[in-house]
Amino acid sequence: MRLRVARHTTSLDQIITFYQEVLGFRQLGSFLDHNRYDGVFLGIPGENWHLEFTVSDEPPQHQPDDDDVLVLYPETREAFTRILEKARKVGTPEVKAKNPYWNKHGITLVDPDGFRLVLVMVT
């Protein structure tokens, strides 16, 4: 089974920059004017998952919620540290997670759309 998580945005360029420059994802594909949508697929080559971000002439109808998190598990402690350093260098907001478990095991970052990502420390 493969997994794609799709989300509509008004900030496609900022989202692409964040997920590529901070998290190290790669652009796996893209499309223009597909039924009025432009989009991009971001992920790690060879994995069975990726994120899709789209933009159209209609803005998203959703809003970030403190309990809606994308949880990321870097493979090594060095990878965790590298991502965190990049996030801090570009001024990515760090927030306290609503769920105390994530505060104990990771750091919660906020992407350009205001959605939360938990970066979990490898033990």
PDB file of N, CA and C in Angstrom:
ATOM      1  N   MET A   1       0.833  -1.177   0.000  1.00  0.00           N
ATOM      2  CA  MET A   1       0.000   0.000   0.000  1.00  0.00           C
ATOM      3  C   MET A   1       0.878   1.241   0.000  1.00  0.00           C
ATOM      4  N   ARG A   2       0.414   2.237  -0.716  1.00  0.00           N
ATOM      5  CA  ARG A   2       1.099   3.524  -0.729  1.00  0.00           C
ATOM      6  C   ARG A   2       0.199   4.565  -0.077  1.00  0.00           C
ATOM      7  N   LEU A   3       0.797   5.653   0.385  1.00  0.00           N
ATOM      8  CA  LEU A   3       0.054   6.693   1.071  1.00  0.00           C
ATOM      9  C   LEU A   3       0.363   8.048   0.449  1.00  0.00           C
ATOM     10  N   ARG A   4      -0.696   8.798   0.179  1.00  0.00           N
ATOM     11  CA  ARG A   4      -0.561  10.196  -0.231  1.00  0.00           C
ATOM     12  C   ARG A   4      -1.446  11.014   0.703  1.00  0.00           C
ATOM     13  N   VAL A   5      -0.872  12.061   1.278  1.00  0.00           N
ATOM     14  CA  VAL A   5      -1.639  12.999   2.082  1.00  0.00           C
ATOM     15  C   VAL A   5      -1.704  14.279   1.263  1.00  0.00           C
ATOM     16  N   ALA A   6      -2.925  14.723   0.958  1.00  0.00           N
ATOM     17  CA  ALA A   6      -3.113  15.896   0.103  1.00  0.00           C
ATOM     18  C   ALA A   6      -3.701  17.046   0.909  1.00  0.00           C
ATOM     19  N   ARG A   7      -3.213  18.238   0.607  1.00  0.00           N
ATOM     20  CA  ARG A   7      -3.727  19.427   1.293  1.00  0.00           C
ATOM     21  C   ARG A   7      -3.709  20.613   0.341  1.00  0.00           C
ATOM     22  N   HIS A   8      -4.770  21.377   0.367  1.00  0.00           N
ATOM     23  CA  HIS A   8      -4.901  22.586  -0.437  1.00  0.00           C
ATOM     24  C   HIS A   8      -4.250  23.747   0.317  1.00  0.00           C
ATOM     25  N   THR A   9      -3.680  24.683  -0.411  1.00  0.00           N
ATOM     26  CA  THR A   9      -2.957  25.789   0.197  1.00  0.00           C
ATOM     27  C   THR A   9      -3.133  27.058  -0.628  1.00  0.00           C
ATOM     28  N   THR A  10      -2.811  28.180  -0.057  1.00  0.00           N
ATOM     29  CA  THR A  10      -2.702  29.422  -0.824  1.00  0.00           C
ATOM     30  C   THR A  10      -1.239  29.845  -0.919  1.00  0.00           C
ATOM     31  N   SER A  11      -0.349  29.048  -0.335  1.00  0.00           N
ATOM     32  CA  SER A  11       1.075  29.401  -0.221  1.00  0.00           C
ATOM     33  C   SER A  11       1.965  28.315  -0.818  1.00  0.00           C
ATOM     34  N   LEU A  12       1.681  27.923  -2.046  1.00  0.00           N
ATOM     35  CA  LEU A  12       2.389  26.780  -2.628  1.00  0.00           C
ATOM     36  C   LEU A  12       3.905  26.985  -2.660  1.00  0.00           C
ATOM     37  N   ASP A  13       4.370  28.139  -3.079  1.00  0.00           N
ATOM     38  CA  ASP A  13       5.821  28.365  -3.154  1.00  0.00           C
ATOM     39  C   ASP A  13       6.490  28.274  -1.785  1.00  0.00           C
ATOM     40  N   GLN A  14       5.873  28.858  -0.767  1.00  0.00           N
ATOM     41  CA  GLN A  14       6.436  28.810   0.580  1.00  0.00           C
ATOM     42  C   GLN A  14       6.409  27.377   1.137  1.00  0.00           C
ATOM     43  N   ILE A  15       5.346  26.650   0.839  1.00  0.00           N
ATOM     44  CA  ILE A  15       5.245  25.248   1.270  1.00  0.00           C
ATOM     45  C   ILE A  15       6.348  24.421   0.631  1.00  0.00           C
ATOM     46  N   ILE A  16       6.546  24.586  -0.679  1.00  0.00           N
ATOM     47  CA  ILE A  16       7.596  23.835  -1.381  1.00  0.00           C
ATOM     48  C   ILE A  16       8.956  24.139  -0.755  1.00  0.00           C
ATOM     49  N   THR A  17       9.241  25.413  -0.546  1.00  0.00           N
ATOM     50  CA  THR A  17      10.526  25.803   0.045  1.00  0.00           C
ATOM     51  C   THR A  17      10.699  25.186   1.428  1.00  0.00           C
ATOM     52  N   PHE A  18       9.695  25.286   2.272  1.00  0.00           N
ATOM     53  CA  PHE A  18       9.782  24.745   3.624  1.00  0.00           C
ATOM     54  C   PHE A  18      10.043  23.237   3.614  1.00  0.00           C
ATOM     55  N   TYR A  19       9.231  22.489   2.906  1.00  0.00           N
ATOM     56  CA  TYR A  19       9.352  21.034   2.944  1.00  0.00           C
ATOM     57  C   TYR A  19      10.640  20.541   2.266  1.00  0.00           C
ATOM     58  N   GLN A  20      11.129  21.291   1.288  1.00  0.00           N
ATOM     59  CA  GLN A  20      12.383  20.892   0.653  1.00  0.00           C
ATOM     60  C   GLN A  20      13.596  21.375   1.443  1.00  0.00           C
ATOM     61  N   GLU A  21      13.641  22.659   1.760  1.00  0.00           N
ATOM     62  CA  GLU A  21      14.829  23.230   2.393  1.00  0.00           C
ATOM     63  C   GLU A  21      14.985  22.848   3.856  1.00  0.00           C
ATOM     64  N   VAL A  22      13.894  22.776   4.594  1.00  0.00           N
ATOM     65  CA  VAL A  22      13.975  22.463   6.020  1.00  0.00           C
ATOM     66  C   VAL A  22      13.937  20.958   6.255  1.00  0.00           C
ATOM     67  N   LEU A  23      12.956  20.284   5.666  1.00  0.00           N
ATOM     68  CA  LEU A  23      12.776  18.854   5.948  1.00  0.00           C
ATOM     69  C   LEU A  23      13.556  17.938   5.017  1.00  0.00           C
ATOM     70  N   GLY A  24      14.057  18.468   3.915  1.00  0.00           N
ATOM     71  CA  GLY A  24      14.856  17.654   3.002  1.00  0.00           C
ATOM     72  C   GLY A  24      14.037  16.805   2.045  1.00  0.00           C
ATOM     73  N   PHE A  25      12.737  17.094   1.903  1.00  0.00           N
ATOM     74  CA  PHE A  25      11.920  16.357   0.943  1.00  0.00           C
ATOM     75  C   PHE A  25      12.339  16.754  -0.469  1.00  0.00           C
ATOM     76  N   ARG A  26      12.013  15.934  -1.416  1.00  0.00           N
ATOM     77  CA  ARG A  26      12.305  16.198  -2.826  1.00  0.00           C
ATOM     78  C   ARG A  26      10.999  16.316  -3.592  1.00  0.00           C
ATOM     79  N   GLN A  27      11.043  17.077  -4.675  1.00  0.00           N
ATOM     80  CA  GLN A  27       9.869  17.164  -5.536  1.00  0.00           C
ATOM     81  C   GLN A  27       9.821  15.900  -6.388  1.00  0.00           C
ATOM     82  N   LEU A  28       8.784  15.116  -6.221  1.00  0.00           N
ATOM     83  CA  LEU A  28       8.634  13.848  -6.925  1.00  0.00           C
ATOM     84  C   LEU A  28       7.802  13.998  -8.189  1.00  0.00           C
ATOM     85  N   GLY A  29       7.118  15.111  -8.317  1.00  0.00           N
ATOM     86  CA  GLY A  29       6.292  15.368  -9.481  1.00  0.00           C
ATOM     87  C   GLY A  29       5.510  16.641  -9.281  1.00  0.00           C
ATOM     88  N   SER A  30       4.846  17.072 -10.347  1.00  0.00           N
ATOM     89  CA  SER A  30       4.027  18.270 -10.259  1.00  0.00           C
ATOM     90  C   SER A  30       3.025  18.262 -11.406  1.00  0.00           C
ATOM     91  N   PHE A  31       2.056  19.156 -11.336  1.00  0.00           N
ATOM     92  CA  PHE A  31       1.085  19.291 -12.415  1.00  0.00           C
ATOM     93  C   PHE A  31       0.585  20.726 -12.459  1.00  0.00           C
ATOM     94  N   LEU A  32       0.181  21.158 -13.642  1.00  0.00           N
ATOM     95  CA  LEU A  32      -0.348  22.496 -13.857  1.00  0.00           C
ATOM     96  C   LEU A  32      -1.725  22.397 -14.503  1.00  0.00           C
ATOM     97  N   ASP A  33      -2.640  23.207 -14.033  1.00  0.00           N
ATOM     98  CA  ASP A  33      -3.977  23.341 -14.603  1.00  0.00           C
ATOM     99  C   ASP A  33      -4.673  21.994 -14.816  1.00  0.00           C
ATOM    100  N   HIS A  34      -4.622  21.145 -13.816  1.00  0.00           N
ATOM    101  CA  HIS A  34      -5.372  19.884 -13.848  1.00  0.00           C
ATOM    102  C   HIS A  34      -6.732  20.161 -13.210  1.00  0.00           C
ATOM    103  N   ASN A  35      -7.740  20.378 -14.041  1.00  0.00           N
ATOM    104  CA  ASN A  35      -9.067  20.743 -13.556  1.00  0.00           C
ATOM    105  C   ASN A  35      -9.026  21.971 -12.645  1.00  0.00           C
ATOM    106  N   ARG A  36      -8.251  22.986 -13.061  1.00  0.00           N
ATOM    107  CA  ARG A  36      -8.083  24.261 -12.351  1.00  0.00           C
ATOM    108  C   ARG A  36      -7.129  24.174 -11.156  1.00  0.00           C
ATOM    109  N   TYR A  37      -6.459  23.079 -10.963  1.00  0.00           N
ATOM    110  CA  TYR A  37      -5.518  22.918  -9.849  1.00  0.00           C
ATOM    111  C   TYR A  37      -4.091  22.824 -10.372  1.00  0.00           C
ATOM    112  N   ASP A  38      -3.177  23.465  -9.653  1.00  0.00           N
ATOM    113  CA  ASP A  38      -1.744  23.247  -9.814  1.00  0.00           C
ATOM    114  C   ASP A  38      -1.301  22.523  -8.557  1.00  0.00           C
ATOM    115  N   GLY A  39      -0.283  21.688  -8.673  1.00  0.00           N
ATOM    116  CA  GLY A  39       0.145  20.978  -7.480  1.00  0.00           C
ATOM    117  C   GLY A  39       1.534  20.396  -7.587  1.00  0.00           C
ATOM    118  N   VAL A  40       1.966  19.886  -6.463  1.00  0.00           N
ATOM    119  CA  VAL A  40       3.297  19.308  -6.357  1.00  0.00           C
ATOM    120  C   VAL A  40       3.233  18.109  -5.419  1.00  0.00           C
ATOM    121  N   PHE A  41       4.067  17.117  -5.709  1.00  0.00           N
ATOM    122  CA  PHE A  41       4.231  15.947  -4.847  1.00  0.00           C
ATOM    123  C   PHE A  41       5.605  16.048  -4.204  1.00  0.00           C
ATOM    124  N   LEU A  42       5.655  16.005  -2.884  1.00  0.00           N
ATOM    125  CA  LEU A  42       6.914  16.109  -2.142  1.00  0.00           C
ATOM    126  C   LEU A  42       7.082  14.894  -1.251  1.00  0.00           C
ATOM    127  N   GLY A  43       8.290  14.378  -1.175  1.00  0.00           N
ATOM    128  CA  GLY A  43       8.554  13.233  -0.318  1.00  0.00           C
ATOM    129  C   GLY A  43      10.008  12.819  -0.399  1.00  0.00           C
ATOM    130  N   ILE A  44      10.246  11.570  -0.084  1.00  0.00           N
ATOM    131  CA  ILE A  44      11.578  10.982  -0.129  1.00  0.00           C
ATOM    132  C   ILE A  44      11.579   9.929  -1.239  1.00  0.00           C
ATOM    133  N   PRO A  45      12.449  10.059  -2.233  1.00  0.00           N
ATOM    134  CA  PRO A  45      12.464   9.081  -3.317  1.00  0.00           C
ATOM    135  C   PRO A  45      12.602   7.650  -2.785  1.00  0.00           C
ATOM    136  N   GLY A  46      11.817   6.744  -3.362  1.00  0.00           N
ATOM    137  CA  GLY A  46      11.880   5.336  -2.990  1.00  0.00           C
ATOM    138  C   GLY A  46      10.960   4.938  -1.855  1.00  0.00           C
ATOM    139  N   GLU A  47      10.372   5.907  -1.166  1.00  0.00           N
ATOM    140  CA  GLU A  47       9.441   5.593  -0.077  1.00  0.00           C
ATOM    141  C   GLU A  47       8.045   5.383  -0.648  1.00  0.00           C
ATOM    142  N   ASN A  48       7.158   4.783   0.133  1.00  0.00           N
ATOM    143  CA  ASN A  48       5.800   4.493  -0.323  1.00  0.00           C
ATOM    144  C   ASN A  48       4.796   5.547   0.135  1.00  0.00           C
ATOM    145  N   TRP A  49       5.234   6.757   0.324  1.00  0.00           N
ATOM    146  CA  TRP A  49       4.361   7.842   0.751  1.00  0.00           C
ATOM    147  C   TRP A  49       4.849   9.143   0.142  1.00  0.00           C
ATOM    148  N   HIS A  50       3.970  10.105   0.045  1.00  0.00           N
ATOM    149  CA  HIS A  50       4.351  11.468  -0.315  1.00  0.00           C
ATOM    150  C   HIS A  50       3.228  12.417   0.059  1.00  0.00           C
ATOM    151  N   LEU A  51       3.563  13.688   0.088  1.00  0.00           N
ATOM    152  CA  LEU A  51       2.602  14.736   0.363  1.00  0.00           C
ATOM    153  C   LEU A  51       2.268  15.438  -0.946  1.00  0.00           C
ATOM    154  N   GLU A  52       1.012  15.772  -1.114  1.00  0.00           N
ATOM    155  CA  GLU A  52       0.576  16.545  -2.280  1.00  0.00           C
ATOM    156  C   GLU A  52       0.032  17.875  -1.772  1.00  0.00           C
ATOM    157  N   PHE A  53       0.504  18.945  -2.372  1.00  0.00           N
ATOM    158  CA  PHE A  53      -0.011  20.269  -2.054  1.00  0.00           C
ATOM    159  C   PHE A  53      -0.565  20.868  -3.332  1.00  0.00           C
ATOM    160  N   THR A  54      -1.770  21.429  -3.242  1.00  0.00           N
ATOM    161  CA  THR A  54      -2.416  22.002  -4.414  1.00  0.00           C
ATOM    162  C   THR A  54      -2.816  23.446  -4.152  1.00  0.00           C
ATOM    163  N   VAL A  55      -2.994  24.170  -5.252  1.00  0.00           N
ATOM    164  CA  VAL A  55      -3.476  25.543  -5.209  1.00  0.00           C
ATOM    165  C   VAL A  55      -4.461  25.696  -6.365  1.00  0.00           C
ATOM    166  N   SER A  56      -5.492  26.507  -6.161  1.00  0.00           N
ATOM    167  CA  SER A  56      -6.463  26.795  -7.215  1.00  0.00           C
ATOM    168  C   SER A  56      -7.014  28.190  -6.990  1.00  0.00           C
ATOM    169  N   ASP A  57      -8.013  28.554  -7.785  1.00  0.00           N
ATOM    170  CA  ASP A  57      -8.606  29.873  -7.610  1.00  0.00           C
ATOM    171  C   ASP A  57      -9.545  29.929  -6.405  1.00  0.00           C
ATOM    172  N   GLU A  58      -9.770  28.802  -5.747  1.00  0.00           N
ATOM    173  CA  GLU A  58     -10.584  28.767  -4.535  1.00  0.00           C
ATOM    174  C   GLU A  58      -9.678  28.524  -3.326  1.00  0.00           C
ATOM    175  N   PRO A  59      -9.762  29.371  -2.317  1.00  0.00           N
ATOM    176  CA  PRO A  59      -8.903  29.177  -1.142  1.00  0.00           C
ATOM    177  C   PRO A  59      -9.351  27.962  -0.322  1.00  0.00           C
ATOM    178  N   PRO A  60      -8.455  27.407   0.489  1.00  0.00           N
ATOM    179  CA  PRO A  60      -8.814  26.289   1.357  1.00  0.00           C
ATOM    180  C   PRO A  60      -9.931  26.687   2.321  1.00  0.00           C
ATOM    181  N   GLN A  61     -10.726  25.712   2.715  1.00  0.00           N
ATOM    182  CA  GLN A  61     -11.798  25.939   3.677  1.00  0.00           C
ATOM    183  C   GLN A  61     -11.445  25.376   5.051  1.00  0.00           C
ATOM    184  N   HIS A  62     -10.227  24.892   5.217  1.00  0.00           N
ATOM    185  CA  HIS A  62      -9.813  24.305   6.488  1.00  0.00           C
ATOM    186  C   HIS A  62      -8.937  25.288   7.258  1.00  0.00           C
ATOM    187  N   GLN A  63      -8.723  24.944   8.506  1.00  0.00           N
ATOM    188  CA  GLN A  63      -7.811  25.731   9.318  1.00  0.00           C
ATOM    189  C   GLN A  63      -7.026  24.795  10.227  1.00  0.00           C
ATOM    190  N   PRO A  64      -5.819  25.173  10.565  1.00  0.00           N
ATOM    191  CA  PRO A  64      -5.004  24.325  11.441  1.00  0.00           C
ATOM    192  C   PRO A  64      -5.666  24.114  12.795  1.00  0.00           C
ATOM    193  N   ASP A  65      -5.487  22.951  13.345  1.00  0.00           N
ATOM    194  CA  ASP A  65      -5.989  22.597  14.676  1.00  0.00           C
ATOM    195  C   ASP A  65      -4.788  22.081  15.468  1.00  0.00           C
ATOM    196  N   ASP A  66      -4.700  22.420  16.731  1.00  0.00           N
ATOM    197  CA  ASP A  66      -3.543  22.044  17.545  1.00  0.00           C
ATOM    198  C   ASP A  66      -3.347  20.535  17.676  1.00  0.00           C
ATOM    199  N   ASP A  67      -4.411  19.762  17.474  1.00  0.00           N
ATOM    200  CA  ASP A  67      -4.291  18.304  17.570  1.00  0.00           C
ATOM    201  C   ASP A  67      -4.036  17.639  16.223  1.00  0.00           C
ATOM    202  N   ASP A  68      -4.105  18.386  15.127  1.00  0.00           N
ATOM    203  CA  ASP A  68      -3.811  17.837  13.804  1.00  0.00           C
ATOM    204  C   ASP A  68      -2.315  17.985  13.564  1.00  0.00           C
ATOM    205  N   VAL A  69      -1.599  16.883  13.656  1.00  0.00           N
ATOM    206  CA  VAL A  69      -0.149  16.945  13.487  1.00  0.00           C
ATOM    207  C   VAL A  69       0.313  15.905  12.479  1.00  0.00           C
ATOM    208  N   LEU A  70       1.344  16.253  11.769  1.00  0.00           N
ATOM    209  CA  LEU A  70       2.051  15.325  10.913  1.00  0.00           C
ATOM    210  C   LEU A  70       3.298  14.939  11.699  1.00  0.00           C
ATOM    211  N   VAL A  71       3.465  13.663  11.991  1.00  0.00           N
ATOM    212  CA  VAL A  71       4.565  13.216  12.846  1.00  0.00           C
ATOM    213  C   VAL A  71       5.677  12.657  11.969  1.00  0.00           C
ATOM    214  N   LEU A  72       6.876  13.185  12.154  1.00  0.00           N
ATOM    215  CA  LEU A  72       8.038  12.784  11.364  1.00  0.00           C
ATOM    216  C   LEU A  72       9.085  12.152  12.274  1.00  0.00           C
ATOM    217  N   TYR A  73       9.629  11.038  11.833  1.00  0.00           N
ATOM    218  CA  TYR A  73      10.642  10.309  12.591  1.00  0.00           C
ATOM    219  C   TYR A  73      11.938  10.272  11.784  1.00  0.00           C
ATOM    220  N   PRO A  74      12.817  11.262  11.948  1.00  0.00           N
ATOM    221  CA  PRO A  74      14.105  11.197  11.253  1.00  0.00           C
ATOM    222  C   PRO A  74      14.828   9.902  11.608  1.00  0.00           C
ATOM    223  N   GLU A  75      15.559   9.364  10.658  1.00  0.00           N
ATOM    224  CA  GLU A  75      16.210   8.063  10.811  1.00  0.00           C
ATOM    225  C   GLU A  75      17.297   8.043  11.887  1.00  0.00           C
ATOM    226  N   THR A  76      17.951   9.173  12.082  1.00  0.00           N
ATOM    227  CA  THR A  76      19.058   9.222  13.044  1.00  0.00           C
ATOM    228  C   THR A  76      18.961  10.490  13.887  1.00  0.00           C
ATOM    229  N   ARG A  77      19.689  10.493  14.985  1.00  0.00           N
ATOM    230  CA  ARG A  77      19.778  11.681  15.829  1.00  0.00           C
ATOM    231  C   ARG A  77      20.413  12.842  15.053  1.00  0.00           C
ATOM    232  N   GLU A  78      21.388  12.517  14.194  1.00  0.00           N
ATOM    233  CA  GLU A  78      22.033  13.550  13.382  1.00  0.00           C
ATOM    234  C   GLU A  78      21.040  14.181  12.411  1.00  0.00           C
ATOM    235  N   ALA A  79      20.182  13.368  11.810  1.00  0.00           N
ATOM    236  CA  ALA A  79      19.164  13.891  10.890  1.00  0.00           C
ATOM    237  C   ALA A  79      18.186  14.788  11.639  1.00  0.00           C
ATOM    238  N   PHE A  80      17.780  14.379  12.835  1.00  0.00           N
ATOM    239  CA  PHE A  80      16.899  15.197  13.678  1.00  0.00           C
ATOM    240  C   PHE A  80      17.546  16.556  13.935  1.00  0.00           C
ATOM    241  N   THR A  81      18.799  16.550  14.354  1.00  0.00           N
ATOM    242  CA  THR A  81      19.518  17.776  14.675  1.00  0.00           C
ATOM    243  C   THR A  81      19.661  18.658  13.436  1.00  0.00           C
ATOM    244  N   ARG A  82      19.960  18.069  12.302  1.00  0.00           N
ATOM    245  CA  ARG A  82      20.132  18.820  11.058  1.00  0.00           C
ATOM    246  C   ARG A  82      18.824  19.526  10.667  1.00  0.00           C
ATOM    247  N   ILE A  83      17.697  18.811  10.746  1.00  0.00           N
ATOM    248  CA  ILE A  83      16.406  19.406  10.410  1.00  0.00           C
ATOM    249  C   ILE A  83      16.081  20.539  11.377  1.00  0.00           C
ATOM    250  N   LEU A  84      16.280  20.302  12.650  1.00  0.00           N
ATOM    251  CA  LEU A  84      15.981  21.329  13.647  1.00  0.00           C
ATOM    252  C   LEU A  84      16.840  22.572  13.440  1.00  0.00           C
ATOM    253  N   GLU A  85      18.103  22.392  13.140  1.00  0.00           N
ATOM    254  CA  GLU A  85      18.986  23.537  12.891  1.00  0.00           C
ATOM    255  C   GLU A  85      18.518  24.336  11.674  1.00  0.00           C
ATOM    256  N   LYS A  86      18.122  23.644  10.600  1.00  0.00           N
ATOM    257  CA  LYS A  86      17.620  24.333   9.406  1.00  0.00           C
ATOM    258  C   LYS A  86      16.342  25.093   9.729  1.00  0.00           C
ATOM    259  N   ALA A  87      15.441  24.461  10.480  1.00  0.00           N
ATOM    260  CA  ALA A  87      14.178  25.101  10.850  1.00  0.00           C
ATOM    261  C   ALA A  87      14.438  26.373  11.639  1.00  0.00           C
ATOM    262  N   ARG A  88      15.321  26.289  12.588  1.00  0.00           N
ATOM    263  CA  ARG A  88      15.625  27.454  13.422  1.00  0.00           C
ATOM    264  C   ARG A  88      16.316  28.549  12.612  1.00  0.00           C
ATOM    265  N   LYS A  89      17.167  28.167  11.683  1.00  0.00           N
ATOM    266  CA  LYS A  89      17.892  29.143  10.870  1.00  0.00           C
ATOM    267  C   LYS A  89      16.943  29.995  10.030  1.00  0.00           C
ATOM    268  N   VAL A  90      15.871  29.391   9.534  1.00  0.00           N
ATOM    269  CA  VAL A  90      14.927  30.144   8.703  1.00  0.00           C
ATOM    270  C   VAL A  90      13.760  30.715   9.509  1.00  0.00           C
ATOM    271  N   GLY A  91      13.804  30.553  10.828  1.00  0.00           N
ATOM    272  CA  GLY A  91      12.789  31.147  11.684  1.00  0.00           C
ATOM    273  C   GLY A  91      11.470  30.394  11.759  1.00  0.00           C
ATOM    274  N   THR A  92      11.510  29.086  11.547  1.00  0.00           N
ATOM    275  CA  THR A  92      10.299  28.280  11.657  1.00  0.00           C
ATOM    276  C   THR A  92       9.797  28.320  13.096  1.00  0.00           C
ATOM    277  N   PRO A  93       8.532  28.647  13.290  1.00  0.00           N
ATOM    278  CA  PRO A  93       8.009  28.677  14.660  1.00  0.00           C
ATOM    279  C   PRO A  93       8.042  27.304  15.327  1.00  0.00           C
ATOM    280  N   GLU A  94       8.420  27.296  16.595  1.00  0.00           N
ATOM    281  CA  GLU A  94       8.338  26.101  17.438  1.00  0.00           C
ATOM    282  C   GLU A  94       7.271  26.393  18.476  1.00  0.00           C
ATOM    283  N   VAL A  95       6.370  25.438  18.678  1.00  0.00           N
ATOM    284  CA  VAL A  95       5.277  25.635  19.627  1.00  0.00           C
ATOM    285  C   VAL A  95       5.174  24.437  20.549  1.00  0.00           C
ATOM    286  N   LYS A  96       4.518  24.651  21.668  1.00  0.00           N
ATOM    287  CA  LYS A  96       4.248  23.554  22.590  1.00  0.00           C
ATOM    288  C   LYS A  96       3.095  22.743  22.011  1.00  0.00           C
ATOM    289  N   ALA A  97       3.246  21.427  21.997  1.00  0.00           N
ATOM    290  CA  ALA A  97       2.188  20.553  21.495  1.00  0.00           C
ATOM    291  C   ALA A  97       1.034  20.504  22.481  1.00  0.00           C
ATOM    292  N   LYS A  98      -0.161  20.352  21.969  1.00  0.00           N
ATOM    293  CA  LYS A  98      -1.317  20.209  22.844  1.00  0.00           C
ATOM    294  C   LYS A  98      -1.252  18.873  23.585  1.00  0.00           C
ATOM    295  N   ASN A  99      -0.828  17.827  22.888  1.00  0.00           N
ATOM    296  CA  ASN A  99      -0.675  16.505  23.486  1.00  0.00           C
ATOM    297  C   ASN A  99       0.696  16.450  24.173  1.00  0.00           C
ATOM    298  N   PRO A 100       0.746  16.295  25.493  1.00  0.00           N
ATOM    299  CA  PRO A 100       2.023  16.329  26.218  1.00  0.00           C
ATOM    300  C   PRO A 100       3.005  15.239  25.787  1.00  0.00           C
ATOM    301  N   TYR A 101       2.511  14.167  25.203  1.00  0.00           N
ATOM    302  CA  TYR A 101       3.408  13.101  24.735  1.00  0.00           C
ATOM    303  C   TYR A 101       4.427  13.665  23.740  1.00  0.00           C
ATOM    304  N   TRP A 102       3.947  14.517  22.818  1.00  0.00           N
ATOM    305  CA  TRP A 102       4.849  15.043  21.800  1.00  0.00           C
ATOM    306  C   TRP A 102       5.867  16.001  22.386  1.00  0.00           C
ATOM    307  N   ASN A 103       5.521  16.714  23.451  1.00  0.00           N
ATOM    308  CA  ASN A 103       6.497  17.596  24.098  1.00  0.00           C
ATOM    309  C   ASN A 103       7.627  16.791  24.739  1.00  0.00           C
ATOM    310  N   LYS A 104       7.297  15.615  25.209  1.00  0.00           N
ATOM    311  CA  LYS A 104       8.300  14.768  25.852  1.00  0.00           C
ATOM    312  C   LYS A 104       9.221  14.098  24.829  1.00  0.00           C
ATOM    313  N   HIS A 105       8.693  13.781  23.653  1.00  0.00           N
ATOM    314  CA  HIS A 105       9.438  12.979  22.682  1.00  0.00           C
ATOM    315  C   HIS A 105       9.875  13.723  21.432  1.00  0.00           C
ATOM    316  N   GLY A 106       9.520  14.984  21.326  1.00  0.00           N
ATOM    317  CA  GLY A 106       9.891  15.688  20.107  1.00  0.00           C
ATOM    318  C   GLY A 106       9.723  17.185  20.223  1.00  0.00           C
ATOM    319  N   ILE A 107       9.791  17.825  19.075  1.00  0.00           N
ATOM    320  CA  ILE A 107       9.633  19.271  18.967  1.00  0.00           C
ATOM    321  C   ILE A 107       8.585  19.532  17.903  1.00  0.00           C
ATOM    322  N   THR A 108       7.671  20.432  18.210  1.00  0.00           N
ATOM    323  CA  THR A 108       6.599  20.736  17.272  1.00  0.00           C
ATOM    324  C   THR A 108       6.930  22.010  16.506  1.00  0.00           C
ATOM    325  N   LEU A 109       6.934  21.884  15.188  1.00  0.00           N
ATOM    326  CA  LEU A 109       7.193  22.998  14.281  1.00  0.00           C
ATOM    327  C   LEU A 109       5.888  23.386  13.589  1.00  0.00           C
ATOM    328  N   VAL A 110       5.841  24.591  13.051  1.00  0.00           N
ATOM    329  CA  VAL A 110       4.659  25.057  12.332  1.00  0.00           C
ATOM    330  C   VAL A 110       5.059  25.386  10.896  1.00  0.00           C
ATOM    331  N   ASP A 111       4.333  24.781   9.933  1.00  0.00           N
ATOM    332  CA  ASP A 111       4.666  25.023   8.524  1.00  0.00           C
ATOM    333  C   ASP A 111       4.067  26.363   8.066  1.00  0.00           C
ATOM    334  N   PRO A 112       4.362  26.807   6.841  1.00  0.00           N
ATOM    335  CA  PRO A 112       3.896  28.117   6.383  1.00  0.00           C
ATOM    336  C   PRO A 112       2.375  28.300   6.378  1.00  0.00           C
ATOM    337  N   ASP A 113       1.611  27.226   6.354  1.00  0.00           N
ATOM    338  CA  ASP A 113       0.153  27.319   6.414  1.00  0.00           C
ATOM    339  C   ASP A 113      -0.374  27.306   7.839  1.00  0.00           C
ATOM    340  N   GLY A 114       0.513  27.132   8.820  1.00  0.00           N
ATOM    341  CA  GLY A 114       0.090  27.090  10.206  1.00  0.00           C
ATOM    342  C   GLY A 114      -0.199  25.691  10.724  1.00  0.00           C
ATOM    343  N   PHE A 115       0.065  24.672   9.920  1.00  0.00           N
ATOM    344  CA  PHE A 115      -0.136  23.295  10.371  1.00  0.00           C
ATOM    345  C   PHE A 115       1.101  22.811  11.116  1.00  0.00           C
ATOM    346  N   ARG A 116       0.864  21.933  12.076  1.00  0.00           N
ATOM    347  CA  ARG A 116       1.926  21.470  12.964  1.00  0.00           C
ATOM    348  C   ARG A 116       2.565  20.174  12.485  1.00  0.00           C
ATOM    349  N   LEU A 117       3.882  20.109  12.688  1.00  0.00           N
ATOM    350  CA  LEU A 117       4.648  18.903  12.411  1.00  0.00           C
ATOM    351  C   LEU A 117       5.422  18.580  13.674  1.00  0.00           C
ATOM    352  N   VAL A 118       5.362  17.352  14.107  1.00  0.00           N
ATOM    353  CA  VAL A 118       6.137  16.931  15.268  1.00  0.00           C
ATOM    354  C   VAL A 118       7.369  16.205  14.757  1.00  0.00           C
ATOM    355  N   LEU A 119       8.507  16.707  15.110  1.00  0.00           N
ATOM    356  CA  LEU A 119       9.792  16.097  14.784  1.00  0.00           C
ATOM    357  C   LEU A 119      10.182  15.272  16.011  1.00  0.00           C
ATOM    358  N   VAL A 120      10.177  13.952  15.865  1.00  0.00           N
ATOM    359  CA  VAL A 120      10.396  13.063  17.001  1.00  0.00           C
ATOM    360  C   VAL A 120      11.880  12.682  17.087  1.00  0.00           C
ATOM    361  N   MET A 121      12.418  12.817  18.297  1.00  0.00           N
ATOM    362  CA  MET A 121      13.810  12.474  18.577  1.00  0.00           C
ATOM    363  C   MET A 121      13.987  10.968  18.564  1.00  0.00           C
ATOM    364  N   VAL A 122      14.977  10.501  17.819  1.00  0.00           N
ATOM    365  CA  VAL A 122      15.316   9.076  17.807  1.00  0.00           C
ATOM    366  C   VAL A 122      16.023   8.745  19.112  1.00  0.00           C
ATOM    367  N   THR A 123      15.582   7.667  19.759  1.00  0.00           N
ATOM    368  CA  THR A 123      16.219   7.290  21.027  1.00  0.00           C
ATOM    369  C   THR A 123      17.214   6.178  20.849  1.00  0.00           C
TER     370      THR A 123
END
